[in-house]
């Protein structure tokens, strides 16, 4: 199960809506080994595409250096789908290289960047196997 606080949830959804019609992408870092998504890092979709996302390799390397220095790891790796459901595509599954991370997908297909609900789902992707997990949104993460 992914437990995420409301502010982090809202930040991911706002990023997905803001970047629509292109896919948005980012990482939520947290203390190593904690499974606590604490720090949202919006990334640039280097592909600039409505059907594909790609982290900028230089930006990603800098983020990993920063996380290592702070004893953090990627707890959530998120991106949006702008025209399809919030479910990992074959490409998404192939790119999933963090077996400990929660892969969050946000679908903005229904309302785009307008007001209205989005589809927000989380998955574990290990060795090509996709498993959906429950998302528990809480007011704040417990201390």
Foldseek 3Di string as FASTA:
>chain_A
DQEAAPVVVVVQVLQQLVLPLAKWWWFFKDAPPPLYRDRTDTFDQPVSHSADGDGDVVVVVVVVVVCVVVNIDGAEIEMEHEADAFDDDQVNLVPPDDQNHKYWYWYNPPPRNDDDDIHIWIWGRDPSDTDTDDYHYHNDDDD
